[in-house]
N, C-alpha and C. Protein backbone atom coordinates (compact mmCIF):
# COMPACT_ATOMS: atom_id res chain seq x y z
N MET A 1 0.86 -1.16 -0.03
CA MET A 1 -0.01 -0.01 -0.01
C MET A 1 0.91 1.23 -0.01
N GLN A 2 0.73 2.12 -1.00
CA GLN A 2 1.55 3.33 -1.13
C GLN A 2 1.14 4.36 -0.08
N LYS A 3 2.06 5.28 0.17
CA LYS A 3 1.85 6.26 1.24
C LYS A 3 0.60 7.15 1.01
N PRO A 4 0.36 7.66 -0.23
CA PRO A 4 -0.88 8.46 -0.44
C PRO A 4 -2.13 7.69 -0.01
N THR A 5 -2.17 6.41 -0.37
CA THR A 5 -3.31 5.56 -0.03
C THR A 5 -3.38 5.39 1.48
N GLN A 6 -2.25 5.20 2.11
CA GLN A 6 -2.20 5.05 3.59
C GLN A 6 -2.68 6.32 4.27
N ALA A 7 -2.28 7.46 3.75
CA ALA A 7 -2.68 8.76 4.32
C ALA A 7 -4.19 8.95 4.17
N ALA A 8 -4.70 8.62 2.98
CA ALA A 8 -6.14 8.74 2.77
C ALA A 8 -6.91 7.83 3.68
N LEU A 9 -6.43 6.60 3.84
CA LEU A 9 -7.06 5.60 4.71
C LEU A 9 -7.07 6.10 6.17
N LEU A 10 -5.94 6.64 6.60
CA LEU A 10 -5.79 7.22 7.96
C LEU A 10 -6.84 8.34 8.13
N GLY A 11 -6.92 9.24 7.18
CA GLY A 11 -7.88 10.34 7.32
C GLY A 11 -9.34 9.82 7.45
N ILE A 12 -9.68 8.91 6.60
CA ILE A 12 -11.02 8.32 6.62
C ILE A 12 -11.29 7.62 7.99
N LEU A 13 -10.33 6.80 8.37
CA LEU A 13 -10.48 6.04 9.58
C LEU A 13 -10.63 6.92 10.83
N THR A 14 -9.81 7.94 10.90
CA THR A 14 -9.82 8.84 12.07
C THR A 14 -11.12 9.65 12.13
N ILE A 15 -11.60 10.04 10.98
CA ILE A 15 -12.90 10.78 10.99
C ILE A 15 -14.04 9.85 11.50
N PHE A 16 -14.11 8.69 10.93
CA PHE A 16 -15.11 7.74 11.35
C PHE A 16 -14.93 7.21 12.77
N SER A 17 -13.67 7.24 13.26
CA SER A 17 -13.41 6.70 14.63
C SER A 17 -14.15 7.45 15.73
N ILE A 18 -14.53 8.72 15.38
CA ILE A 18 -15.24 9.50 16.42
C ILE A 18 -16.60 8.90 16.79
N GLY A 19 -17.21 8.12 15.83
CA GLY A 19 -18.47 7.50 16.14
C GLY A 19 -18.57 6.04 15.71
N LEU A 20 -17.39 5.46 15.40
CA LEU A 20 -17.36 4.12 14.78
C LEU A 20 -17.93 3.05 15.73
N ILE A 21 -17.57 3.06 16.98
CA ILE A 21 -17.93 1.98 17.90
C ILE A 21 -19.46 1.92 18.11
N THR A 22 -20.01 3.08 18.53
CA THR A 22 -21.46 3.09 18.85
C THR A 22 -22.28 2.92 17.57
N SER A 23 -21.83 3.50 16.46
CA SER A 23 -22.58 3.38 15.18
C SER A 23 -22.61 1.94 14.76
N THR A 24 -21.52 1.22 14.84
CA THR A 24 -21.44 -0.15 14.42
C THR A 24 -22.39 -1.00 15.23
N ASP A 25 -22.44 -0.79 16.50
CA ASP A 25 -23.27 -1.59 17.39
C ASP A 25 -24.76 -1.24 17.15
N ARG A 26 -25.07 0.01 16.90
CA ARG A 26 -26.46 0.42 16.61
C ARG A 26 -26.93 -0.19 15.34
N VAL A 27 -26.15 -0.15 14.29
CA VAL A 27 -26.52 -0.78 13.05
C VAL A 27 -26.74 -2.26 13.19
N ALA A 28 -25.83 -2.87 13.95
CA ALA A 28 -25.96 -4.31 14.20
C ALA A 28 -27.22 -4.64 14.97
N SER A 29 -27.57 -3.79 15.89
CA SER A 29 -28.82 -4.02 16.70
C SER A 29 -30.10 -4.02 15.82
N PHE A 30 -30.04 -3.28 14.73
CA PHE A 30 -31.24 -3.26 13.78
C PHE A 30 -31.16 -4.49 12.85
N VAL A 31 -29.96 -4.91 12.53
CA VAL A 31 -29.83 -5.98 11.55
C VAL A 31 -30.02 -7.36 12.21
N LEU A 32 -29.52 -7.51 13.41
CA LEU A 32 -29.63 -8.80 14.09
C LEU A 32 -31.06 -9.10 14.55
N PRO A 33 -31.38 -10.37 14.63
CA PRO A 33 -32.71 -10.73 15.16
C PRO A 33 -32.79 -10.39 16.64
N SER A 34 -33.96 -10.20 17.13
CA SER A 34 -34.12 -9.78 18.49
C SER A 34 -33.46 -10.64 19.53
N SER A 35 -33.33 -11.98 19.18
CA SER A 35 -32.71 -12.92 20.09
C SER A 35 -31.19 -12.69 20.24
N LEU A 36 -30.63 -11.92 19.29
CA LEU A 36 -29.17 -11.69 19.28
C LEU A 36 -28.83 -10.23 19.52
N GLU A 37 -29.78 -9.42 19.88
CA GLU A 37 -29.52 -7.96 20.08
C GLU A 37 -28.52 -7.74 21.22
N THR A 38 -28.47 -8.72 22.15
CA THR A 38 -27.53 -8.56 23.28
C THR A 38 -26.11 -8.49 22.79
N LEU A 39 -25.82 -9.15 21.75
CA LEU A 39 -24.45 -9.09 21.11
C LEU A 39 -24.04 -7.66 20.77
N ALA A 40 -25.01 -6.94 20.24
CA ALA A 40 -24.77 -5.52 19.90
C ALA A 40 -24.66 -4.67 21.15
N TYR A 41 -25.43 -4.98 22.12
CA TYR A 41 -25.45 -4.21 23.40
C TYR A 41 -24.06 -4.33 24.09
N ILE A 42 -23.49 -5.48 24.04
CA ILE A 42 -22.19 -5.67 24.70
C ILE A 42 -20.99 -5.42 23.74
N ARG A 43 -21.30 -4.83 22.61
CA ARG A 43 -20.28 -4.35 21.65
C ARG A 43 -19.47 -5.43 20.96
N ILE A 44 -20.10 -6.60 20.71
CA ILE A 44 -19.42 -7.64 19.94
C ILE A 44 -19.17 -7.21 18.49
N PRO A 45 -20.15 -6.60 17.80
CA PRO A 45 -19.91 -6.17 16.44
C PRO A 45 -18.74 -5.18 16.30
N SER A 46 -18.70 -4.18 17.23
CA SER A 46 -17.63 -3.16 17.12
C SER A 46 -16.29 -3.74 17.42
N ILE A 47 -16.18 -4.66 18.39
CA ILE A 47 -14.90 -5.24 18.71
C ILE A 47 -14.35 -6.05 17.53
N LEU A 48 -15.27 -6.74 16.84
CA LEU A 48 -14.87 -7.53 15.68
C LEU A 48 -14.41 -6.61 14.55
N LEU A 49 -15.12 -5.50 14.33
CA LEU A 49 -14.75 -4.61 13.23
C LEU A 49 -13.42 -3.93 13.55
N CYS A 50 -13.23 -3.49 14.77
CA CYS A 50 -11.96 -2.81 15.13
C CYS A 50 -10.77 -3.76 15.06
N PHE A 51 -11.00 -5.02 15.44
CA PHE A 51 -9.97 -6.01 15.39
C PHE A 51 -9.64 -6.26 13.86
N PHE A 52 -10.63 -6.37 13.04
CA PHE A 52 -10.42 -6.55 11.63
C PHE A 52 -9.63 -5.40 11.03
N LEU A 53 -10.00 -4.21 11.39
CA LEU A 53 -9.28 -3.01 10.88
C LEU A 53 -7.82 -3.04 11.28
N TRP A 54 -7.55 -3.43 12.53
CA TRP A 54 -6.19 -3.46 13.00
C TRP A 54 -5.37 -4.53 12.25
N VAL A 55 -5.98 -5.69 12.11
CA VAL A 55 -5.27 -6.79 11.39
C VAL A 55 -4.99 -6.40 9.93
N ALA A 56 -5.90 -5.63 9.36
CA ALA A 56 -5.77 -5.29 7.95
C ALA A 56 -4.66 -4.23 7.75
N VAL A 57 -4.43 -3.33 8.70
CA VAL A 57 -3.49 -2.25 8.56
C VAL A 57 -2.33 -2.18 9.51
N GLY A 58 -2.43 -2.95 10.57
CA GLY A 58 -1.51 -2.82 11.68
C GLY A 58 -0.27 -3.68 11.56
N GLN A 59 0.61 -3.48 12.56
CA GLN A 59 1.83 -4.32 12.66
C GLN A 59 1.51 -5.58 13.40
N ARG A 60 1.87 -6.70 12.77
CA ARG A 60 1.61 -7.97 13.38
C ARG A 60 2.37 -8.20 14.74
N SER A 61 3.55 -7.59 14.79
CA SER A 61 4.35 -7.75 16.02
C SER A 61 3.67 -7.12 17.21
N ALA A 62 2.83 -6.05 17.00
CA ALA A 62 2.15 -5.44 18.15
C ALA A 62 1.13 -6.30 18.79
N PHE A 63 0.72 -7.39 18.07
CA PHE A 63 -0.26 -8.31 18.66
C PHE A 63 0.31 -9.21 19.67
N HIS A 64 1.65 -9.43 19.62
CA HIS A 64 2.31 -10.30 20.55
C HIS A 64 2.67 -9.53 21.82
N PHE A 65 2.83 -10.26 22.90
CA PHE A 65 3.21 -9.65 24.18
C PHE A 65 4.64 -10.12 24.51
N PRO A 66 5.63 -9.37 24.04
CA PRO A 66 7.05 -9.75 24.21
C PRO A 66 7.54 -9.54 25.60
N ILE A 67 7.14 -10.42 26.51
CA ILE A 67 7.46 -10.30 27.93
C ILE A 67 8.94 -10.21 28.15
N GLN A 68 9.72 -11.01 27.44
CA GLN A 68 11.15 -11.07 27.66
C GLN A 68 11.85 -9.84 27.18
N SER A 69 11.42 -9.23 26.10
CA SER A 69 12.12 -8.12 25.49
C SER A 69 11.70 -6.74 25.97
N ILE A 70 10.54 -6.67 26.68
CA ILE A 70 10.10 -5.36 27.14
C ILE A 70 10.93 -4.84 28.24
N GLN A 71 11.35 -3.59 28.15
CA GLN A 71 12.09 -2.91 29.22
C GLN A 71 11.04 -2.40 30.18
N TRP A 72 10.81 -3.18 31.21
CA TRP A 72 9.65 -2.91 32.10
C TRP A 72 9.73 -1.60 32.82
N ARG A 73 10.91 -1.18 33.16
CA ARG A 73 11.01 0.08 33.88
C ARG A 73 10.49 1.23 32.99
N ARG A 74 10.90 1.24 31.76
CA ARG A 74 10.40 2.29 30.81
C ARG A 74 8.91 2.24 30.60
N VAL A 75 8.30 1.06 30.74
CA VAL A 75 6.84 0.88 30.57
C VAL A 75 6.10 1.24 31.85
N LEU A 76 6.63 0.79 32.97
CA LEU A 76 5.95 0.97 34.25
C LEU A 76 5.92 2.38 34.71
N VAL A 77 6.94 3.17 34.37
CA VAL A 77 6.99 4.56 34.80
C VAL A 77 5.77 5.35 34.25
N PRO A 78 5.53 5.39 32.94
CA PRO A 78 4.38 6.17 32.49
C PRO A 78 3.06 5.51 32.90
N ALA A 79 3.06 4.17 33.02
CA ALA A 79 1.85 3.52 33.49
C ALA A 79 1.43 3.92 34.92
N CYS A 80 2.43 3.97 35.82
CA CYS A 80 2.18 4.33 37.20
C CYS A 80 1.89 5.87 37.30
N MET A 81 2.52 6.64 36.41
CA MET A 81 2.28 8.10 36.43
C MET A 81 0.79 8.42 36.12
N TRP A 82 0.16 7.53 35.34
CA TRP A 82 -1.28 7.71 35.07
C TRP A 82 -2.15 6.99 36.06
N LEU A 83 -1.84 5.76 36.38
CA LEU A 83 -2.72 4.91 37.17
C LEU A 83 -2.77 5.33 38.64
N VAL A 84 -1.68 5.72 39.21
CA VAL A 84 -1.64 6.08 40.63
C VAL A 84 -2.51 7.26 40.96
N PRO A 85 -2.31 8.42 40.29
CA PRO A 85 -3.18 9.55 40.58
C PRO A 85 -4.63 9.31 40.19
N THR A 86 -4.88 8.49 39.14
CA THR A 86 -6.24 8.21 38.73
C THR A 86 -6.91 7.40 39.78
N ALA A 87 -6.23 6.43 40.30
CA ALA A 87 -6.86 5.57 41.40
C ALA A 87 -7.19 6.45 42.57
N PHE A 88 -6.32 7.36 42.95
CA PHE A 88 -6.58 8.22 44.12
C PHE A 88 -7.80 9.13 43.85
N LEU A 89 -7.86 9.76 42.69
CA LEU A 89 -8.94 10.69 42.38
C LEU A 89 -10.26 10.00 42.26
N VAL A 90 -10.29 8.84 41.64
CA VAL A 90 -11.54 8.14 41.39
C VAL A 90 -12.03 7.48 42.72
N LEU A 91 -11.18 6.76 43.40
CA LEU A 91 -11.58 6.03 44.58
C LEU A 91 -11.88 6.98 45.74
N SER A 92 -11.36 8.18 45.69
CA SER A 92 -11.66 9.18 46.76
C SER A 92 -12.83 10.01 46.40
N HIS A 93 -13.52 9.73 45.27
CA HIS A 93 -14.69 10.42 44.80
C HIS A 93 -14.40 11.92 44.52
N THR A 94 -13.14 12.23 44.19
CA THR A 94 -12.75 13.59 43.89
C THR A 94 -13.22 14.02 42.54
N VAL A 95 -13.33 13.06 41.58
CA VAL A 95 -13.80 13.35 40.27
C VAL A 95 -15.07 12.56 39.93
N TRP A 96 -15.84 13.04 38.98
CA TRP A 96 -17.06 12.36 38.62
C TRP A 96 -16.71 11.17 37.71
N VAL A 97 -17.42 10.09 37.95
CA VAL A 97 -17.25 8.88 37.07
C VAL A 97 -18.61 8.31 36.81
N PRO A 98 -18.83 7.67 35.65
CA PRO A 98 -20.16 7.10 35.38
C PRO A 98 -20.45 5.92 36.29
N TYR A 99 -21.75 5.79 36.59
CA TYR A 99 -22.18 4.71 37.48
C TYR A 99 -22.50 3.48 36.64
N ILE A 100 -21.72 2.38 36.89
CA ILE A 100 -21.90 1.17 36.08
C ILE A 100 -22.07 -0.01 37.01
N SER A 101 -23.20 -0.68 36.96
CA SER A 101 -23.49 -1.78 37.85
C SER A 101 -24.17 -2.95 37.15
N LYS A 102 -24.83 -2.74 36.03
CA LYS A 102 -25.54 -3.85 35.36
C LYS A 102 -24.54 -4.80 34.75
N PRO A 103 -24.72 -6.10 34.84
CA PRO A 103 -23.78 -7.08 34.32
C PRO A 103 -23.37 -6.88 32.85
N LEU A 104 -24.34 -6.63 31.98
CA LEU A 104 -24.00 -6.42 30.57
C LEU A 104 -23.22 -5.12 30.36
N ASP A 105 -23.51 -4.09 31.09
CA ASP A 105 -22.74 -2.85 31.02
C ASP A 105 -21.31 -3.07 31.51
N ILE A 106 -21.17 -3.88 32.51
CA ILE A 106 -19.81 -4.20 33.04
C ILE A 106 -18.98 -4.95 32.00
N VAL A 107 -19.62 -5.89 31.25
CA VAL A 107 -18.93 -6.63 30.20
C VAL A 107 -18.44 -5.68 29.09
N ALA A 108 -19.35 -4.76 28.68
CA ALA A 108 -18.99 -3.74 27.65
C ALA A 108 -17.87 -2.81 28.15
N PHE A 109 -17.99 -2.43 29.37
CA PHE A 109 -17.05 -1.41 29.97
C PHE A 109 -15.68 -2.01 30.22
N MET A 110 -15.65 -3.27 30.71
CA MET A 110 -14.37 -3.85 31.12
C MET A 110 -13.77 -4.78 30.12
N VAL A 111 -14.50 -5.20 29.09
CA VAL A 111 -13.96 -6.16 28.16
C VAL A 111 -14.09 -5.73 26.72
N THR A 112 -15.31 -5.81 26.17
CA THR A 112 -15.53 -5.69 24.77
C THR A 112 -15.31 -4.23 24.28
N GLY A 113 -15.95 -3.27 24.96
CA GLY A 113 -15.83 -1.90 24.53
C GLY A 113 -14.34 -1.45 24.73
N LEU A 114 -13.77 -1.87 25.79
CA LEU A 114 -12.35 -1.52 26.06
C LEU A 114 -11.38 -2.07 24.99
N LEU A 115 -11.58 -3.32 24.60
CA LEU A 115 -10.74 -3.93 23.56
C LEU A 115 -11.00 -3.26 22.22
N ALA A 116 -12.25 -2.90 21.92
CA ALA A 116 -12.55 -2.25 20.67
C ALA A 116 -11.78 -0.93 20.57
N GLU A 117 -11.74 -0.18 21.64
CA GLU A 117 -11.04 1.08 21.67
C GLU A 117 -9.53 0.89 21.42
N GLU A 118 -8.97 -0.13 22.13
CA GLU A 118 -7.55 -0.39 21.99
C GLU A 118 -7.20 -0.86 20.55
N PHE A 119 -7.98 -1.75 20.04
CA PHE A 119 -7.70 -2.26 18.66
C PHE A 119 -7.79 -1.09 17.64
N LEU A 120 -8.68 -0.14 17.88
CA LEU A 120 -8.86 0.96 16.93
C LEU A 120 -7.82 2.04 17.14
N PHE A 121 -7.61 2.49 18.39
CA PHE A 121 -6.79 3.71 18.61
C PHE A 121 -5.28 3.35 18.82
N ARG A 122 -4.98 2.39 19.66
CA ARG A 122 -3.57 2.03 19.84
C ARG A 122 -3.20 0.90 18.88
N GLY A 123 -4.15 0.43 18.08
CA GLY A 123 -3.88 -0.55 17.04
C GLY A 123 -3.84 0.03 15.68
N ALA A 124 -5.01 0.11 15.00
CA ALA A 124 -5.06 0.51 13.59
C ALA A 124 -4.59 1.92 13.39
N ILE A 125 -5.16 2.91 14.15
CA ILE A 125 -4.77 4.31 13.92
C ILE A 125 -3.32 4.55 14.26
N TYR A 126 -2.83 4.04 15.39
CA TYR A 126 -1.45 4.23 15.79
C TYR A 126 -0.52 3.69 14.75
N ASP A 127 -0.78 2.45 14.24
CA ASP A 127 0.11 1.85 13.25
C ASP A 127 0.06 2.56 11.91
N LEU A 128 -1.14 3.03 11.52
CA LEU A 128 -1.21 3.81 10.26
C LEU A 128 -0.42 5.10 10.33
N VAL A 129 -0.45 5.73 11.45
CA VAL A 129 0.34 6.98 11.58
C VAL A 129 1.85 6.68 11.44
N LEU A 130 2.29 5.57 12.02
CA LEU A 130 3.68 5.20 11.89
C LEU A 130 4.06 4.97 10.44
N ARG A 131 3.13 4.48 9.63
CA ARG A 131 3.42 4.26 8.20
C ARG A 131 3.44 5.51 7.39
N VAL A 132 2.57 6.45 7.78
CA VAL A 132 2.47 7.74 7.03
C VAL A 132 3.55 8.66 7.37
N PHE A 133 3.88 8.75 8.72
CA PHE A 133 4.91 9.69 9.19
C PHE A 133 6.16 8.88 9.57
N GLU A 134 7.06 8.76 8.62
CA GLU A 134 8.29 8.03 8.90
C GLU A 134 9.33 8.87 9.60
N GLY A 135 10.35 8.25 10.11
CA GLY A 135 11.41 8.98 10.79
C GLY A 135 11.35 8.92 12.29
N HIS A 136 12.19 9.70 12.92
CA HIS A 136 12.31 9.72 14.40
C HIS A 136 11.05 10.25 15.08
N THR A 137 10.37 11.13 14.42
CA THR A 137 9.24 11.76 15.10
C THR A 137 7.92 10.96 14.89
N ALA A 138 7.97 9.92 14.13
CA ALA A 138 6.75 9.16 13.77
C ALA A 138 6.01 8.65 15.01
N SER A 139 6.79 8.10 15.95
CA SER A 139 6.17 7.57 17.14
C SER A 139 5.52 8.64 18.03
N LYS A 140 6.16 9.83 18.04
CA LYS A 140 5.58 10.92 18.83
C LYS A 140 4.31 11.40 18.20
N VAL A 141 4.29 11.47 16.90
CA VAL A 141 3.05 11.86 16.17
C VAL A 141 1.99 10.84 16.39
N ALA A 142 2.36 9.54 16.37
CA ALA A 142 1.40 8.45 16.59
C ALA A 142 0.76 8.55 17.97
N VAL A 143 1.62 8.85 18.95
CA VAL A 143 1.08 8.98 20.35
C VAL A 143 0.08 10.11 20.44
N GLY A 144 0.44 11.29 19.95
CA GLY A 144 -0.44 12.43 20.00
C GLY A 144 -1.67 12.30 19.17
N TYR A 145 -1.52 11.75 17.95
CA TYR A 145 -2.63 11.62 17.04
C TYR A 145 -3.71 10.64 17.59
N SER A 146 -3.23 9.48 17.99
CA SER A 146 -4.12 8.46 18.53
C SER A 146 -4.79 8.92 19.82
N ALA A 147 -4.06 9.70 20.65
CA ALA A 147 -4.62 10.20 21.92
C ALA A 147 -5.76 11.19 21.62
N LEU A 148 -5.50 12.08 20.68
CA LEU A 148 -6.50 13.11 20.27
C LEU A 148 -7.80 12.50 19.87
N PHE A 149 -7.74 11.50 18.99
CA PHE A 149 -8.97 10.89 18.47
C PHE A 149 -9.54 9.88 19.48
N PHE A 150 -8.73 9.35 20.33
CA PHE A 150 -9.25 8.56 21.39
C PHE A 150 -10.13 9.35 22.32
N GLY A 151 -9.67 10.57 22.57
CA GLY A 151 -10.43 11.48 23.36
C GLY A 151 -11.71 11.91 22.68
N LEU A 152 -11.60 12.34 21.43
CA LEU A 152 -12.75 12.79 20.67
C LEU A 152 -13.77 11.64 20.50
N GLY A 153 -13.26 10.43 20.40
CA GLY A 153 -14.16 9.27 20.21
C GLY A 153 -15.11 9.08 21.38
N HIS A 154 -14.77 9.65 22.55
CA HIS A 154 -15.65 9.47 23.69
C HIS A 154 -16.90 10.43 23.59
N LEU A 155 -16.88 11.30 22.60
CA LEU A 155 -18.06 12.14 22.38
C LEU A 155 -19.28 11.28 22.00
N GLN A 156 -19.02 10.10 21.34
CA GLN A 156 -20.08 9.25 20.91
C GLN A 156 -20.88 8.65 22.09
N TYR A 157 -20.17 8.58 23.22
CA TYR A 157 -20.90 8.02 24.39
C TYR A 157 -21.80 9.09 25.08
N HIS A 158 -21.75 10.28 24.57
CA HIS A 158 -22.59 11.34 25.06
C HIS A 158 -23.56 11.80 23.97
N ASN A 159 -23.79 10.91 22.97
CA ASN A 159 -24.69 11.22 21.86
C ASN A 159 -24.25 12.53 21.12
N PHE A 160 -22.96 12.74 21.12
CA PHE A 160 -22.34 13.89 20.34
C PHE A 160 -22.85 15.25 20.81
N SER A 161 -23.22 15.28 22.12
CA SER A 161 -23.61 16.53 22.74
C SER A 161 -22.46 17.10 23.55
N LEU A 162 -22.17 18.36 23.30
CA LEU A 162 -21.02 19.02 23.98
C LEU A 162 -21.43 19.50 25.39
N THR A 163 -21.81 18.56 26.19
CA THR A 163 -22.17 18.88 27.58
C THR A 163 -20.88 19.00 28.41
N GLU A 164 -21.08 19.47 29.64
CA GLU A 164 -19.93 19.65 30.56
C GLU A 164 -19.26 18.29 30.81
N SER A 165 -20.09 17.25 31.06
CA SER A 165 -19.53 15.92 31.36
C SER A 165 -18.80 15.39 30.12
N ALA A 166 -19.30 15.65 28.88
CA ALA A 166 -18.68 15.17 27.65
C ALA A 166 -17.36 15.84 27.52
N LEU A 167 -17.23 17.16 27.67
CA LEU A 167 -16.00 17.90 27.51
C LEU A 167 -14.99 17.48 28.57
N THR A 168 -15.44 17.19 29.75
CA THR A 168 -14.57 16.75 30.79
C THR A 168 -14.00 15.38 30.45
N GLN A 169 -14.83 14.47 30.02
CA GLN A 169 -14.35 13.16 29.69
C GLN A 169 -13.39 13.19 28.45
N ILE A 170 -13.70 14.00 27.50
CA ILE A 170 -12.80 14.09 26.28
C ILE A 170 -11.43 14.57 26.75
N SER A 171 -11.38 15.65 27.56
CA SER A 171 -10.09 16.18 28.07
C SER A 171 -9.34 15.10 28.84
N TYR A 172 -10.08 14.41 29.69
CA TYR A 172 -9.48 13.35 30.53
C TYR A 172 -8.91 12.24 29.65
N THR A 173 -9.70 11.77 28.67
CA THR A 173 -9.21 10.66 27.84
C THR A 173 -8.13 11.06 26.84
N ILE A 174 -8.01 12.29 26.49
CA ILE A 174 -6.90 12.70 25.64
C ILE A 174 -5.61 12.54 26.40
N VAL A 175 -5.60 12.98 27.64
CA VAL A 175 -4.40 12.85 28.44
C VAL A 175 -4.11 11.37 28.74
N MET A 176 -5.16 10.63 29.02
CA MET A 176 -5.10 9.22 29.22
C MET A 176 -4.48 8.54 28.00
N GLY A 177 -4.94 8.95 26.81
CA GLY A 177 -4.43 8.38 25.56
C GLY A 177 -2.92 8.64 25.32
N VAL A 178 -2.47 9.82 25.79
CA VAL A 178 -1.08 10.11 25.67
C VAL A 178 -0.24 9.13 26.48
N PHE A 179 -0.62 8.83 27.72
CA PHE A 179 0.13 7.90 28.54
C PHE A 179 0.04 6.46 27.98
N PHE A 180 -1.13 6.11 27.46
CA PHE A 180 -1.31 4.82 26.86
C PHE A 180 -0.45 4.68 25.62
N GLY A 181 -0.41 5.76 24.82
CA GLY A 181 0.41 5.73 23.65
C GLY A 181 1.88 5.63 23.91
N ILE A 182 2.31 6.24 24.97
CA ILE A 182 3.76 6.13 25.41
C ILE A 182 4.08 4.68 25.77
N VAL A 183 3.16 4.04 26.49
CA VAL A 183 3.33 2.66 26.84
C VAL A 183 3.32 1.77 25.57
N ARG A 184 2.45 2.12 24.63
CA ARG A 184 2.41 1.30 23.39
C ARG A 184 3.74 1.49 22.62
N GLU A 185 4.27 2.65 22.60
CA GLU A 185 5.51 2.90 21.88
C GLU A 185 6.70 2.20 22.55
N ARG A 186 6.76 2.30 23.87
CA ARG A 186 7.88 1.75 24.61
C ARG A 186 7.85 0.20 24.71
N SER A 187 6.64 -0.36 24.69
CA SER A 187 6.54 -1.83 24.82
C SER A 187 6.53 -2.49 23.44
N GLY A 188 6.11 -1.74 22.43
CA GLY A 188 5.99 -2.37 21.07
C GLY A 188 4.83 -3.32 20.99
N SER A 189 3.93 -3.29 21.99
CA SER A 189 2.81 -4.19 22.02
C SER A 189 1.56 -3.48 22.49
N ILE A 190 0.41 -3.98 22.04
CA ILE A 190 -0.85 -3.36 22.45
C ILE A 190 -1.33 -3.84 23.82
N TRP A 191 -0.80 -5.01 24.25
CA TRP A 191 -1.38 -5.62 25.42
C TRP A 191 -1.07 -4.91 26.77
N PRO A 192 0.09 -4.33 26.94
CA PRO A 192 0.28 -3.48 28.13
C PRO A 192 -0.73 -2.38 28.23
N CYS A 193 -1.16 -1.78 27.06
CA CYS A 193 -2.18 -0.77 27.05
C CYS A 193 -3.51 -1.32 27.45
N VAL A 194 -3.82 -2.55 27.01
CA VAL A 194 -5.05 -3.21 27.40
C VAL A 194 -5.08 -3.37 28.91
N LEU A 195 -3.98 -3.88 29.49
CA LEU A 195 -3.93 -4.07 30.92
C LEU A 195 -4.08 -2.75 31.68
N MET A 196 -3.44 -1.76 31.20
CA MET A 196 -3.62 -0.38 31.81
C MET A 196 -5.10 0.07 31.74
N HIS A 197 -5.70 -0.19 30.62
CA HIS A 197 -7.11 0.24 30.39
C HIS A 197 -8.02 -0.54 31.36
N VAL A 198 -7.78 -1.83 31.53
CA VAL A 198 -8.56 -2.63 32.48
C VAL A 198 -8.40 -2.10 33.88
N MET A 199 -7.18 -1.81 34.29
CA MET A 199 -6.95 -1.27 35.59
C MET A 199 -7.64 0.10 35.79
N ASN A 200 -7.46 0.94 34.78
CA ASN A 200 -8.10 2.26 34.82
C ASN A 200 -9.61 2.19 35.01
N ASN A 201 -10.22 1.36 34.22
CA ASN A 201 -11.72 1.19 34.30
C ASN A 201 -12.15 0.49 35.53
N SER A 202 -11.30 -0.33 36.09
CA SER A 202 -11.66 -1.07 37.30
C SER A 202 -11.85 -0.11 38.48
N PHE A 203 -11.14 1.00 38.48
CA PHE A 203 -11.37 1.98 39.57
C PHE A 203 -12.80 2.57 39.48
N THR A 204 -13.24 2.87 38.27
CA THR A 204 -14.64 3.32 38.13
C THR A 204 -15.61 2.29 38.52
N LEU A 205 -15.34 1.02 38.14
CA LEU A 205 -16.24 -0.08 38.49
C LEU A 205 -16.34 -0.28 39.97
N ILE A 206 -15.26 -0.18 40.67
CA ILE A 206 -15.24 -0.30 42.14
C ILE A 206 -16.13 0.71 42.80
N VAL A 207 -16.01 1.98 42.29
CA VAL A 207 -16.83 3.08 42.81
C VAL A 207 -18.32 2.76 42.57
N GLY A 208 -18.61 2.25 41.39
CA GLY A 208 -20.02 1.99 41.08
C GLY A 208 -20.62 0.83 41.87
N LEU A 209 -19.77 -0.11 42.27
CA LEU A 209 -20.27 -1.28 43.01
C LEU A 209 -20.26 -1.15 44.50
N THR A 210 -19.68 -0.03 45.03
CA THR A 210 -19.62 0.17 46.44
C THR A 210 -20.48 1.32 46.91
């Protein structure tokens, strides 16, 4: 795939990424028979689409978890810089978090929706940026670019309304995406980001269940 084609694909994908996950699941809910609508509710269609997109355009090496080759200190530092203050702020009820307690919502929040976001933003989009922007600055551009659209993508969970809670979550997730992107770049794998995302969301889940 030539660079102009990659750049065009990146532009299309990032524009659609702002509403890709919820739109995919909504379309699937209309297409699927009523007995299977739960699959759309827990974001099975979107996770499959995002995984397909990543496999189609991403780096195969990022799918592996190179435990032996990862320089864990370089990965754990940015991970802790994000997770430690987040845990304090969320668990101390200093910041607002969504209330999640229904079993199907928990599945979407902690597993399927989370994986769909990682496959899309730290997977397909991150890897496409690396291909379009070559050189020493490519990884930095990939971190910032994927973080920006990761944050903007959360507007879809607010029905694209620029409410105070929506703007707060977008700002929060852009910064979150930067730290996740740094971990993705330093580890060379998507899975440390997935683990960080699970831990990050678990703080919200704990608050909702207590």
